[in-house]
Structure formats: C-alpha cells, structure tokens
Protein backbone atom coordinates (compact mmCIF):
# COMPACT_ATOMS: atom_id res chain seq x y z
CA MET A 1 -28.14 2.06 19.38
CA GLU A 2 -26.67 5.02 17.55
CA ASN A 3 -22.93 5.44 17.74
CA LYS A 4 -22.27 8.74 19.55
CA ARG A 5 -18.58 8.90 18.63
CA ASN A 6 -17.35 11.04 15.77
CA LYS A 7 -17.27 8.80 12.70
CA TYR A 8 -14.32 10.53 11.07
CA MET A 9 -10.89 11.56 12.19
CA ASN A 10 -9.83 15.14 11.68
CA PRO A 11 -7.84 15.11 8.40
CA TYR A 12 -5.38 17.72 9.70
CA LEU A 13 -4.63 15.60 12.76
CA ALA A 14 -4.28 12.51 10.55
CA GLY A 15 -1.81 14.34 8.28
CA PHE A 16 0.17 15.54 11.28
CA LEU A 17 0.33 12.00 12.71
CA ILE A 18 1.45 10.58 9.35
CA GLY A 19 4.17 13.23 9.24
CA LEU A 20 5.34 12.19 12.72
CA MET A 21 5.42 8.56 11.62
CA MET A 22 7.51 9.56 8.62
CA ILE A 23 10.05 11.26 10.90
CA PHE A 24 10.21 8.18 13.12
CA ALA A 25 10.59 5.91 10.08
CA TYR A 26 13.53 7.91 8.74
CA TYR A 27 15.12 8.16 12.17
CA TYR A 28 14.76 4.51 13.23
CA ALA A 29 14.72 2.61 9.92
CA GLY A 30 16.67 4.97 7.68
CA GLU A 31 13.95 4.94 5.04
CA GLY A 32 10.44 6.22 4.46
CA LEU A 33 7.07 4.55 4.53
CA GLY A 34 5.58 2.46 1.73
CA GLY A 35 3.55 -0.71 1.35
CA SER A 36 4.79 -2.50 -1.76
CA GLY A 37 8.10 -3.58 -0.24
CA ALA A 38 6.29 -5.92 2.16
CA PHE A 39 4.53 -7.71 -0.68
CA LYS A 40 7.82 -7.98 -2.58
CA LYS A 41 9.49 -9.55 0.49
CA VAL A 42 6.73 -12.17 0.74
CA VAL A 43 7.00 -13.04 -2.98
CA ILE A 44 10.80 -13.28 -2.83
CA SER A 45 10.59 -15.53 0.23
CA GLY A 46 8.04 -17.74 -1.51
CA VAL A 47 10.17 -18.11 -4.65
CA ASP A 48 13.23 -18.78 -2.49
CA ALA A 49 11.36 -21.47 -0.54
CA VAL A 50 10.19 -23.20 -3.73
CA ASN A 51 13.46 -22.98 -5.70
CA HIS A 52 16.47 -21.47 -3.93
CA ASP A 53 18.85 -22.02 -6.86
CA TYR A 54 16.59 -20.10 -9.22
CA ALA A 55 16.06 -17.29 -6.71
CA LYS A 56 19.77 -16.78 -6.05
CA ASN A 57 20.61 -16.76 -9.79
CA ALA A 58 17.70 -14.65 -11.09
CA THR A 59 18.62 -10.98 -11.41
CA TYR A 60 15.40 -9.76 -9.79
CA PHE A 61 15.70 -12.00 -6.72
CA ALA A 62 19.46 -12.41 -6.30
CA SER A 63 20.14 -9.21 -4.40
CA SER A 64 17.47 -10.09 -1.83
CA VAL A 65 18.24 -13.79 -1.46
CA GLN A 66 21.17 -14.74 0.72
CA GLU A 67 22.42 -18.04 1.98
CA GLY A 68 20.28 -19.04 4.91
CA SER A 69 16.90 -17.67 5.88
CA SER A 70 15.11 -15.13 3.72
CA SER A 71 12.07 -15.02 5.97
CA PRO A 72 9.84 -12.02 5.32
CA LEU A 73 9.64 -11.62 9.11
CA ASN A 74 13.20 -10.24 8.96
CA SER A 75 11.80 -7.09 7.33
CA TRP A 76 10.18 -4.26 9.27
CA LEU A 77 7.98 -3.60 6.21
CA ILE A 78 5.96 -6.73 6.99
CA PHE A 79 5.19 -5.40 10.45
CA GLU A 80 4.32 -1.99 8.98
CA VAL A 81 1.68 -3.53 6.70
CA LEU A 82 0.39 -5.82 9.46
CA GLY A 83 0.12 -2.75 11.69
CA VAL A 84 -1.89 -0.94 9.02
CA ILE A 85 -4.27 -3.91 8.74
CA VAL A 86 -4.68 -4.34 12.51
CA GLY A 87 -5.00 -0.57 13.00
CA ALA A 88 -7.72 -0.38 10.33
CA ILE A 89 -9.66 -3.18 12.03
CA ILE A 90 -9.35 -1.50 15.45
CA SER A 91 -10.39 1.88 14.03
CA ALA A 92 -13.38 0.40 12.20
CA ALA A 93 -14.49 -1.46 15.32
CA TYR A 94 -14.08 1.61 17.53
CA PHE A 95 -16.12 3.83 15.20
CA GLY A 96 -18.80 1.20 14.55
CA ARG A 97 -17.87 0.60 10.90
CA LEU A 98 -16.59 -2.99 11.15
CA THR A 99 -18.84 -4.72 8.65
CA PHE A 100 -18.30 -7.00 5.70
CA LYS A 101 -19.71 -5.43 2.56
CA ILE A 102 -18.73 -4.68 -1.00
CA GLY A 103 -18.51 -0.93 -1.52
CA LYS A 104 -19.86 -0.21 -4.97
CA SER A 105 -22.28 1.80 -7.06
CA PRO A 106 -25.85 0.48 -7.09
CA ASN A 107 -25.55 0.38 -10.89
CA ILE A 108 -23.01 -2.48 -11.02
CA THR A 109 -23.04 -6.05 -9.78
CA ASN A 110 -20.90 -7.47 -7.00
CA LYS A 111 -19.12 -9.60 -9.61
CA THR A 112 -18.17 -6.53 -11.70
CA ARG A 113 -16.91 -4.72 -8.58
CA ILE A 114 -14.80 -7.68 -7.47
CA ILE A 115 -13.33 -8.10 -10.97
CA ALA A 116 -12.52 -4.37 -11.12
CA ALA A 117 -10.91 -4.53 -7.64
CA ILE A 118 -8.78 -7.55 -8.57
CA ALA A 119 -7.73 -5.94 -11.87
CA GLY A 120 -6.84 -2.73 -10.04
CA GLY A 121 -4.83 -4.66 -7.46
CA LEU A 122 -2.90 -6.51 -10.15
CA LEU A 123 -2.18 -3.26 -12.00
CA TRP A 124 -1.03 -1.69 -8.70
CA GLY A 125 1.33 -4.62 -8.11
CA VAL A 126 2.84 -4.46 -11.58
CA GLY A 127 3.05 -0.68 -11.51
CA SER A 128 4.70 -0.60 -8.09
CA GLN A 129 7.41 -2.94 -9.33
CA LEU A 130 7.93 -1.05 -12.58
CA GLY A 131 8.11 2.19 -10.61
CA ARG A 132 10.35 0.60 -7.94
CA GLY A 133 7.84 1.34 -5.20
CA CYS A 134 4.25 2.25 -4.50
CA THR A 135 2.61 5.65 -4.58
CA SER A 136 2.74 6.09 -0.82
CA GLY A 137 6.47 5.45 -0.86
CA LEU A 138 7.02 7.76 -3.82
CA ILE A 139 4.85 10.65 -2.72
CA MET A 140 5.08 10.63 1.08
CA SER A 141 8.68 9.55 1.38
CA GLY A 142 9.82 11.51 -1.67
CA MET A 143 8.20 14.74 -0.56
CA ALA A 144 9.40 14.21 3.02
CA VAL A 145 13.00 14.52 1.78
CA ASN A 146 12.04 17.28 -0.71
CA ALA A 147 12.85 15.09 -3.74
CA PHE A 148 11.64 16.42 -7.08
CA SER A 149 10.38 12.93 -7.96
CA GLY A 150 7.97 13.09 -5.01
CA TYR A 151 6.33 16.23 -6.38
CA VAL A 152 6.24 14.89 -9.95
CA GLY A 153 4.75 11.66 -8.59
CA LEU A 154 2.06 13.59 -6.71
CA ALA A 155 1.08 15.49 -9.87
CA ALA A 156 1.12 12.31 -11.97
CA VAL A 157 -0.94 10.26 -9.50
CA PHE A 158 -3.66 12.86 -9.04
CA GLY A 159 -3.58 13.96 -12.68
CA GLY A 160 -3.81 10.35 -13.83
CA GLY A 161 -6.56 9.71 -11.30
CA TYR A 162 -8.67 12.56 -12.66
CA LEU A 163 -8.01 11.46 -16.24
CA PHE A 164 -8.94 7.81 -15.69
CA ALA A 165 -11.87 8.67 -13.40
CA TYR A 166 -13.69 10.02 -16.44
CA PHE A 167 -13.48 6.66 -18.21
CA PHE A 168 -14.26 4.50 -15.17
CA ARG A 169 -16.90 6.71 -13.53
CA LYS A 170 -19.70 4.34 -14.54
CA LEU A 171 -18.33 1.82 -12.05
CA TRP A 172 -19.18 4.29 -9.26
CA ILE A 173 -21.99 6.61 -10.40
C-alpha cells in the first residue's frame, strides 16, 4: 500500500519550529541547543564511576565532577538527545521510512560505508571537544544570539564541507 502522506516536512516550517525551540531553550535552560554536551556528560559520568579520584583531579573532568552523584540524568542535554532520537523514530514511522538499511553509494561496500561512518563519528567527537561544542551548538546557538563566531562557524562548516566533498565524493557517487 502506497503511503499517501507527504514524505517530507516543509523546510520553512522546520526552520521556524527550530527557531521556536531555540527561544524556549534560552528562556528555560539559559543556553542554546547542541548535541555534543550530552555525550560529554555520559563520558564524564563513566570515568567518574570507574575512578572518582582520577576524575576529580584531572583538569578536563574536575569542573564537572562533584562529590556525590554525577549522573548524566541530571543534565537536560541527555533528554534533548533522547528526544531527538525518539522524535526521529516517530517521524520515520509516521512517514513510512522506518527501515534498517545502510545508506550508501552503489559503488562502495557496506564495510567501506560503515568504516567511513565510524571514522566520521570519531572525528566529529574529537572536533566537538577541540571546538568546545558541536556545529549545531556553534551555528544555531551562536547565530541566535548574533555572535560573530556563529557566522564564522557557518561559513567554515559549509566551506569545509564543499572542500572535503570533492575528495570524498567517490564514497557517494
């Protein structure tokens, strides 16, 4: 049976809704949206659970580790990322796109695609920590408060994307 519903959301409506969410995030949480902070909270909690003395004395972890519980569930960022995951599943199910497949070019193997995805994820993780946040936090939150760094980040992300797309296009074409 063919799915009669529109398969895509209107991008203007999506942008408007993201803007509303940004306003609510600043109003209720005092900070913008971003995804890397949730992963950082989970890693810090894991290190703290394995070796609390190391976590409280290491420069990177010390400011986040306090005496007592450092559960990642104390951070709203965890619930933001969980909401994104659950929302994506609901949206995919509603629009008839909830399938398990590896999106890739027909010219590469599943193994190559998975290796490229893992490498990209690792680079994203390292880059988000070196940059003190992820691209969504930099661009959306930075531009929402009219910070120059948000605009520079937008130009760098898209400029870098176009530059590197040339070299990695064979993974997709």
